């Protein structure tokens, strides 16, 4: 999302799909300002991964 708001602070508030715990991410350009809770893990699907069959890092 950083490329959509150059130079601006962006805050995303969401909930964990597993337990419902609140999640907050604040960022500005290339800098992550806050991730709450600290144990938050992100996942993003990408069409690129489909072309990397056999590579555990991308599958």
N, C-alpha and C. Protein backbone atom coordinates (compact mmCIF):
# COMPACT_ATOMS: atom_id res chain seq x y z
N UNK A 1 0.81 -1.20 0.00
CA UNK A 1 0.00 0.00 0.00
C UNK A 1 0.85 1.27 0.00
N UNK A 2 2.11 1.16 0.35
CA UNK A 2 2.93 2.35 0.49
C UNK A 2 3.01 3.18 -0.78
N UNK A 3 2.96 2.53 -1.94
CA UNK A 3 3.07 3.27 -3.20
C UNK A 3 1.80 4.07 -3.51
N UNK A 4 0.70 3.77 -2.81
CA UNK A 4 -0.55 4.52 -3.02
C UNK A 4 -0.58 5.83 -2.27
N UNK A 5 0.22 5.93 -1.17
CA UNK A 5 0.20 7.11 -0.31
C UNK A 5 1.62 7.58 -0.01
N UNK A 6 2.38 8.00 -1.02
CA UNK A 6 3.77 8.40 -0.77
C UNK A 6 3.86 9.57 0.21
N UNK A 7 4.77 9.41 1.21
CA UNK A 7 5.01 10.47 2.18
C UNK A 7 3.97 10.56 3.28
N UNK A 8 2.95 9.70 3.25
CA UNK A 8 1.89 9.76 4.25
C UNK A 8 1.94 8.52 5.16
N UNK A 9 1.53 8.71 6.40
CA UNK A 9 1.41 7.59 7.32
C UNK A 9 0.09 6.88 7.04
N UNK A 10 0.16 5.55 6.95
CA UNK A 10 -1.02 4.73 6.69
C UNK A 10 -1.22 3.79 7.87
N UNK A 11 -2.44 3.68 8.34
CA UNK A 11 -2.77 2.77 9.43
C UNK A 11 -3.83 1.79 8.97
N UNK A 12 -3.58 0.50 9.22
CA UNK A 12 -4.53 -0.56 8.88
C UNK A 12 -4.92 -1.25 10.18
N UNK A 13 -6.19 -1.25 10.50
CA UNK A 13 -6.72 -1.96 11.66
C UNK A 13 -7.56 -3.12 11.15
N UNK A 14 -7.28 -4.30 11.69
CA UNK A 14 -7.98 -5.50 11.24
C UNK A 14 -8.14 -6.46 12.41
N UNK A 15 -8.58 -7.67 12.12
CA UNK A 15 -8.74 -8.72 13.13
C UNK A 15 -8.11 -10.00 12.61
N UNK A 16 -7.56 -10.78 13.51
CA UNK A 16 -7.02 -12.09 13.16
C UNK A 16 -8.18 -12.98 12.71
N UNK A 17 -8.03 -13.64 11.57
CA UNK A 17 -9.09 -14.50 11.06
C UNK A 17 -9.23 -15.78 11.88
N UNK A 18 -8.22 -16.10 12.69
CA UNK A 18 -8.27 -17.30 13.52
C UNK A 18 -8.90 -17.04 14.88
N UNK A 19 -8.41 -16.02 15.60
CA UNK A 19 -8.86 -15.82 16.99
C UNK A 19 -9.65 -14.53 17.21
N UNK A 20 -9.65 -13.64 16.23
CA UNK A 20 -10.40 -12.40 16.36
C UNK A 20 -9.66 -11.27 17.06
N UNK A 21 -8.38 -11.50 17.44
CA UNK A 21 -7.60 -10.48 18.12
C UNK A 21 -7.37 -9.29 17.20
N UNK A 22 -7.39 -8.09 17.77
CA UNK A 22 -7.15 -6.87 17.00
C UNK A 22 -5.71 -6.82 16.49
N UNK A 23 -5.54 -6.36 15.26
CA UNK A 23 -4.22 -6.20 14.64
C UNK A 23 -4.13 -4.78 14.11
N UNK A 24 -2.99 -4.15 14.35
CA UNK A 24 -2.76 -2.79 13.82
C UNK A 24 -1.41 -2.74 13.14
N UNK A 25 -1.38 -2.13 11.97
CA UNK A 25 -0.16 -1.91 11.22
C UNK A 25 -0.12 -0.44 10.82
N UNK A 26 0.98 0.22 11.18
CA UNK A 26 1.20 1.61 10.75
C UNK A 26 2.49 1.66 9.97
N UNK A 27 2.46 2.34 8.83
CA UNK A 27 3.65 2.44 7.99
C UNK A 27 3.69 3.78 7.28
N UNK A 28 4.91 4.14 6.88
CA UNK A 28 5.11 5.36 6.10
C UNK A 28 6.22 5.06 5.11
N UNK A 29 5.90 5.14 3.83
CA UNK A 29 6.84 4.80 2.76
C UNK A 29 7.42 3.41 3.02
N UNK A 30 8.73 3.28 3.15
CA UNK A 30 9.36 1.97 3.34
C UNK A 30 9.52 1.59 4.81
N UNK A 31 9.01 2.39 5.73
CA UNK A 31 9.23 2.16 7.16
C UNK A 31 7.95 1.64 7.84
N UNK A 32 8.09 0.55 8.57
CA UNK A 32 7.00 0.06 9.41
C UNK A 32 7.13 0.74 10.76
N UNK A 33 6.12 1.50 11.15
CA UNK A 33 6.15 2.27 12.39
C UNK A 33 5.61 1.48 13.58
N UNK A 34 4.64 0.62 13.34
CA UNK A 34 4.02 -0.15 14.42
C UNK A 34 3.38 -1.41 13.86
N UNK A 35 3.56 -2.52 14.59
CA UNK A 35 2.83 -3.76 14.33
C UNK A 35 2.38 -4.26 15.69
N UNK A 36 1.08 -4.35 15.88
CA UNK A 36 0.52 -4.79 17.15
C UNK A 36 -0.48 -5.90 16.88
N UNK A 37 -0.34 -7.05 17.52
CA UNK A 37 0.72 -7.45 18.45
C UNK A 37 2.02 -7.73 17.70
N UNK A 38 3.14 -7.76 18.44
CA UNK A 38 4.45 -7.96 17.84
C UNK A 38 4.58 -9.32 17.15
N UNK A 39 3.75 -10.27 17.52
CA UNK A 39 3.80 -11.62 16.94
C UNK A 39 3.01 -11.74 15.64
N UNK A 40 2.49 -10.64 15.13
CA UNK A 40 1.70 -10.65 13.89
C UNK A 40 2.52 -11.21 12.73
N UNK A 41 1.88 -12.06 11.94
CA UNK A 41 2.50 -12.62 10.75
C UNK A 41 1.60 -12.32 9.57
N UNK A 42 2.18 -11.84 8.49
CA UNK A 42 1.39 -11.52 7.30
C UNK A 42 1.54 -12.57 6.23
N UNK A 43 0.55 -12.65 5.36
CA UNK A 43 0.58 -13.59 4.24
C UNK A 43 -0.04 -12.90 3.03
N UNK A 44 0.61 -13.03 1.89
CA UNK A 44 0.09 -12.44 0.67
C UNK A 44 0.20 -13.46 -0.45
N UNK A 45 -0.90 -13.74 -1.10
CA UNK A 45 -0.83 -14.62 -2.26
C UNK A 45 -0.33 -13.83 -3.45
N UNK A 46 0.35 -14.50 -4.33
CA UNK A 46 0.91 -13.82 -5.49
C UNK A 46 0.86 -14.75 -6.70
N UNK A 47 0.45 -14.25 -7.85
CA UNK A 47 0.47 -15.08 -9.05
C UNK A 47 1.87 -15.58 -9.37
N UNK A 48 2.90 -14.85 -8.92
CA UNK A 48 4.29 -15.23 -9.16
C UNK A 48 4.57 -16.62 -8.59
N UNK A 49 3.97 -16.93 -7.45
CA UNK A 49 4.25 -18.21 -6.80
C UNK A 49 3.82 -19.40 -7.66
N UNK A 50 2.84 -19.23 -8.51
CA UNK A 50 2.37 -20.32 -9.37
C UNK A 50 3.41 -20.72 -10.39
N UNK A 51 4.27 -19.79 -10.77
CA UNK A 51 5.28 -20.08 -11.78
C UNK A 51 6.54 -20.69 -11.18
N UNK A 52 6.59 -20.81 -9.85
CA UNK A 52 7.78 -21.34 -9.18
C UNK A 52 7.54 -22.75 -8.66
N UNK A 53 6.90 -23.59 -9.42
CA UNK A 53 6.61 -24.97 -9.01
C UNK A 53 7.91 -25.69 -8.65
N UNK A 54 7.89 -26.35 -7.50
CA UNK A 54 9.06 -27.11 -7.06
C UNK A 54 9.98 -26.34 -6.15
N UNK A 55 9.76 -25.04 -5.98
CA UNK A 55 10.59 -24.23 -5.09
C UNK A 55 9.84 -24.01 -3.79
N UNK A 56 10.29 -24.64 -2.72
CA UNK A 56 9.59 -24.54 -1.43
C UNK A 56 9.47 -23.10 -0.96
N UNK A 57 10.39 -22.25 -1.32
CA UNK A 57 10.34 -20.86 -0.87
C UNK A 57 9.17 -20.11 -1.46
N UNK A 58 8.63 -20.58 -2.57
CA UNK A 58 7.55 -19.87 -3.24
C UNK A 58 6.25 -20.65 -3.30
N UNK A 59 6.19 -21.87 -2.77
CA UNK A 59 4.98 -22.68 -2.85
C UNK A 59 4.37 -22.88 -1.50
